[in-house]
């Protein structure tokens, strides 16, 4: 595994909110773990873009975003919710499509305010035509649903917040 591939994995972990990744293959073992930062950067690190002719534009955009975030750190962006970091998050176990209910005509598995237990099915993630049930993994009350039904999700995408 090359350093460039490891850096790309690190960028994906940051983008998706994945905290820990372990890979074992062909005699190689790799474990990556990251800390949360108050303002995750959605763009890949500029050093991953060395071969990209638009590097200067991306670097300038990234610098402007960081400056804007730094100057307005105490205020949430207009028209968006301030990210809540309390509670437990249910994350997607795989890449696929998020569905809040078993079928379009059925009610959602859970809604905000519902009490759930560790084994409560909270949604389905469809991957390669297979419907995979996702369980809460923690007991509590659904505080927030973070993804709309029918939208694609990546591994580690936060789906629900449980209080």
Protein backbone atom coordinates (compact mmCIF):
# COMPACT_ATOMS: atom_id res chain seq x y z
CA UNK A 1 0.00 0.00 0.00
CA UNK A 2 1.42 3.37 -1.02
CA UNK A 3 1.52 6.53 1.09
CA UNK A 4 -0.79 8.27 -1.40
CA UNK A 5 -3.46 5.57 -0.85
CA UNK A 6 -3.15 5.94 2.93
CA UNK A 7 -3.57 9.72 2.65
CA UNK A 8 -6.64 9.21 0.48
CA UNK A 9 -8.11 6.86 3.10
CA UNK A 10 -7.44 9.48 5.78
CA UNK A 11 -9.25 12.13 3.71
CA UNK A 12 -12.26 9.83 3.25
CA UNK A 13 -12.32 9.10 6.98
CA UNK A 14 -12.41 12.85 7.70
CA UNK A 15 -15.14 13.49 5.12
CA UNK A 16 -17.40 10.67 6.32
CA UNK A 17 -16.80 11.06 10.04
CA UNK A 18 -15.25 7.60 10.37
CA UNK A 19 -13.22 7.40 13.58
CA UNK A 20 -11.38 4.08 13.14
CA UNK A 21 -10.41 1.96 10.15
CA UNK A 22 -8.60 -1.37 10.12
CA UNK A 23 -7.42 -3.10 6.94
CA UNK A 24 -5.78 -6.52 6.74
CA UNK A 25 -4.83 -7.90 3.34
CA UNK A 26 -1.91 -9.49 1.53
CA UNK A 27 0.30 -9.51 4.62
CA UNK A 28 -0.35 -5.82 5.37
CA UNK A 29 -2.10 -4.59 8.48
CA UNK A 30 -3.13 -0.94 8.67
CA UNK A 31 -5.01 0.76 11.48
CA UNK A 32 -6.06 4.40 11.25
CA UNK A 33 -7.75 6.36 14.01
CA UNK A 34 -8.67 10.04 14.06
CA UNK A 35 -9.77 12.68 16.52
CA UNK A 36 -12.81 14.90 16.01
CA UNK A 37 -12.16 18.46 14.94
CA UNK A 38 -14.68 21.26 15.43
CA UNK A 39 -14.71 22.12 11.69
CA UNK A 40 -14.18 19.10 9.44
CA UNK A 41 -12.64 19.96 6.08
CA UNK A 42 -14.66 18.50 3.21
CA UNK A 43 -11.95 18.99 0.60
CA UNK A 44 -9.06 16.52 0.39
CA UNK A 45 -5.75 17.78 1.74
CA UNK A 46 -3.97 19.88 -0.89
CA UNK A 47 -0.90 17.61 -0.83
CA UNK A 48 -3.08 14.84 -2.34
CA UNK A 49 -3.65 17.07 -5.34
CA UNK A 50 -0.01 17.52 -6.42
CA UNK A 51 -0.78 16.25 -9.94
CA UNK A 52 -3.93 18.37 -10.25
CA UNK A 53 -3.54 21.49 -12.46
CA UNK A 54 -6.28 23.20 -10.40
CA UNK A 55 -4.23 22.91 -7.21
CA UNK A 56 -3.93 26.70 -6.78
CA UNK A 57 -7.69 27.20 -7.13
CA UNK A 58 -8.45 24.43 -4.66
CA UNK A 59 -5.85 25.73 -2.23
CA UNK A 60 -7.28 29.26 -2.45
CA UNK A 61 -10.83 27.96 -1.94
CA UNK A 62 -9.70 25.92 1.07
CA UNK A 63 -7.89 28.92 2.58
CA UNK A 64 -10.98 31.12 2.09
CA UNK A 65 -13.19 28.48 3.74
CA UNK A 66 -10.86 28.18 6.72
CA UNK A 67 -10.66 31.97 7.10
CA UNK A 68 -14.45 32.27 6.92
CA UNK A 69 -14.86 29.54 9.51
CA UNK A 70 -12.32 31.14 11.81
CA UNK A 71 -13.90 34.60 11.68
CA UNK A 72 -17.42 33.31 12.29
CA UNK A 73 -16.57 30.48 14.66
CA UNK A 74 -19.08 31.64 17.25
CA UNK A 75 -21.97 31.91 14.78
CA UNK A 76 -23.54 29.00 12.88
CA UNK A 77 -23.83 29.60 9.10
CA UNK A 78 -27.08 31.27 8.05
CA UNK A 79 -29.79 28.82 7.08
CA UNK A 80 -28.07 25.76 8.54
CA UNK A 81 -28.30 23.92 11.82
CA UNK A 82 -25.49 24.07 14.33
CA UNK A 83 -24.03 20.57 14.58
CA UNK A 84 -24.94 18.87 17.83
CA UNK A 85 -22.20 16.64 19.16
CA UNK A 86 -23.97 15.24 22.23
CA UNK A 87 -25.63 11.86 22.22
CA UNK A 88 -24.81 8.66 20.40
CA UNK A 89 -24.82 8.46 16.62
CA UNK A 90 -26.07 5.55 14.55
CA UNK A 91 -23.81 5.37 11.50
CA UNK A 92 -24.12 3.56 8.20
CA UNK A 93 -22.32 0.21 8.22
CA UNK A 94 -21.80 0.33 4.45
CA UNK A 95 -22.13 2.31 1.23
CA UNK A 96 -25.69 2.22 -0.08
CA UNK A 97 -29.08 3.92 -0.10
CA UNK A 98 -30.79 4.93 3.17
CA UNK A 99 -34.45 4.00 3.61
CA UNK A 100 -36.43 5.12 6.67
CA UNK A 101 -39.23 2.57 6.11
CA UNK A 102 -39.54 -1.01 4.83
CA UNK A 103 -41.46 0.18 1.74
CA UNK A 104 -42.74 3.52 0.42
CA UNK A 105 -46.29 2.93 1.71
CA UNK A 106 -45.18 1.81 5.21
CA UNK A 107 -44.51 4.18 8.11
CA UNK A 108 -40.91 4.95 9.13
CA UNK A 109 -39.16 2.52 11.44
CA UNK A 110 -38.61 5.37 13.92
CA UNK A 111 -39.32 9.09 14.21
CA UNK A 112 -37.90 11.84 16.41
CA UNK A 113 -38.99 11.26 20.01
CA UNK A 114 -39.30 7.47 19.70
CA UNK A 115 -37.65 5.34 22.38
CA UNK A 116 -35.26 2.71 20.99
CA UNK A 117 -33.27 -0.17 22.45
CA UNK A 118 -29.96 -1.59 21.20
CA UNK A 119 -31.71 -4.16 18.97
CA UNK A 120 -34.37 -1.81 17.54
CA UNK A 121 -34.26 -1.66 13.72
CA UNK A 122 -34.06 2.04 12.83
CA UNK A 123 -33.64 1.90 9.03
CA UNK A 124 -32.50 -0.08 6.02
CA UNK A 125 -29.41 0.51 3.91
CA UNK A 126 -29.72 -1.04 0.46
CA UNK A 127 -26.49 -2.23 -1.09
CA UNK A 128 -26.33 -4.21 -4.33
CA UNK A 129 -30.09 -4.97 -4.22
CA UNK A 130 -29.80 -6.37 -0.67
CA UNK A 131 -31.80 -4.70 2.09
CA UNK A 132 -29.65 -4.54 5.24
CA UNK A 133 -31.38 -3.73 8.52
CA UNK A 134 -29.54 -1.23 10.72
CA UNK A 135 -30.07 -1.48 14.48
CA UNK A 136 -29.78 1.40 16.95
CA UNK A 137 -26.86 -0.10 18.84
CA UNK A 138 -27.74 2.01 21.90
CA UNK A 139 -30.75 2.65 24.09
CA UNK A 140 -32.32 6.09 24.22
CA UNK A 141 -34.61 8.48 22.39
CA UNK A 142 -34.24 9.45 18.73
CA UNK A 143 -33.14 13.09 18.90
CA UNK A 144 -32.54 13.72 15.21
CA UNK A 145 -32.78 11.99 11.83
CA UNK A 146 -29.80 13.17 9.79
CA UNK A 147 -30.48 11.65 6.33
CA UNK A 148 -33.52 11.79 4.07
CA UNK A 149 -35.03 8.53 2.91
CA UNK A 150 -33.82 7.49 -0.53
CA UNK A 151 -30.51 9.38 -0.28
CA UNK A 152 -27.14 7.68 -0.80
CA UNK A 153 -24.88 7.15 2.23
CA UNK A 154 -21.25 6.16 2.68
CA UNK A 155 -19.67 3.95 5.30
CA UNK A 156 -19.68 5.90 8.58
CA UNK A 157 -22.31 8.47 7.55
CA UNK A 158 -24.24 9.64 10.62
CA UNK A 159 -27.88 8.55 10.23
CA UNK A 160 -29.49 9.24 13.62
CA UNK A 161 -28.64 10.94 16.91
CA UNK A 162 -29.82 9.10 20.01
CA UNK A 163 -30.13 11.03 23.30
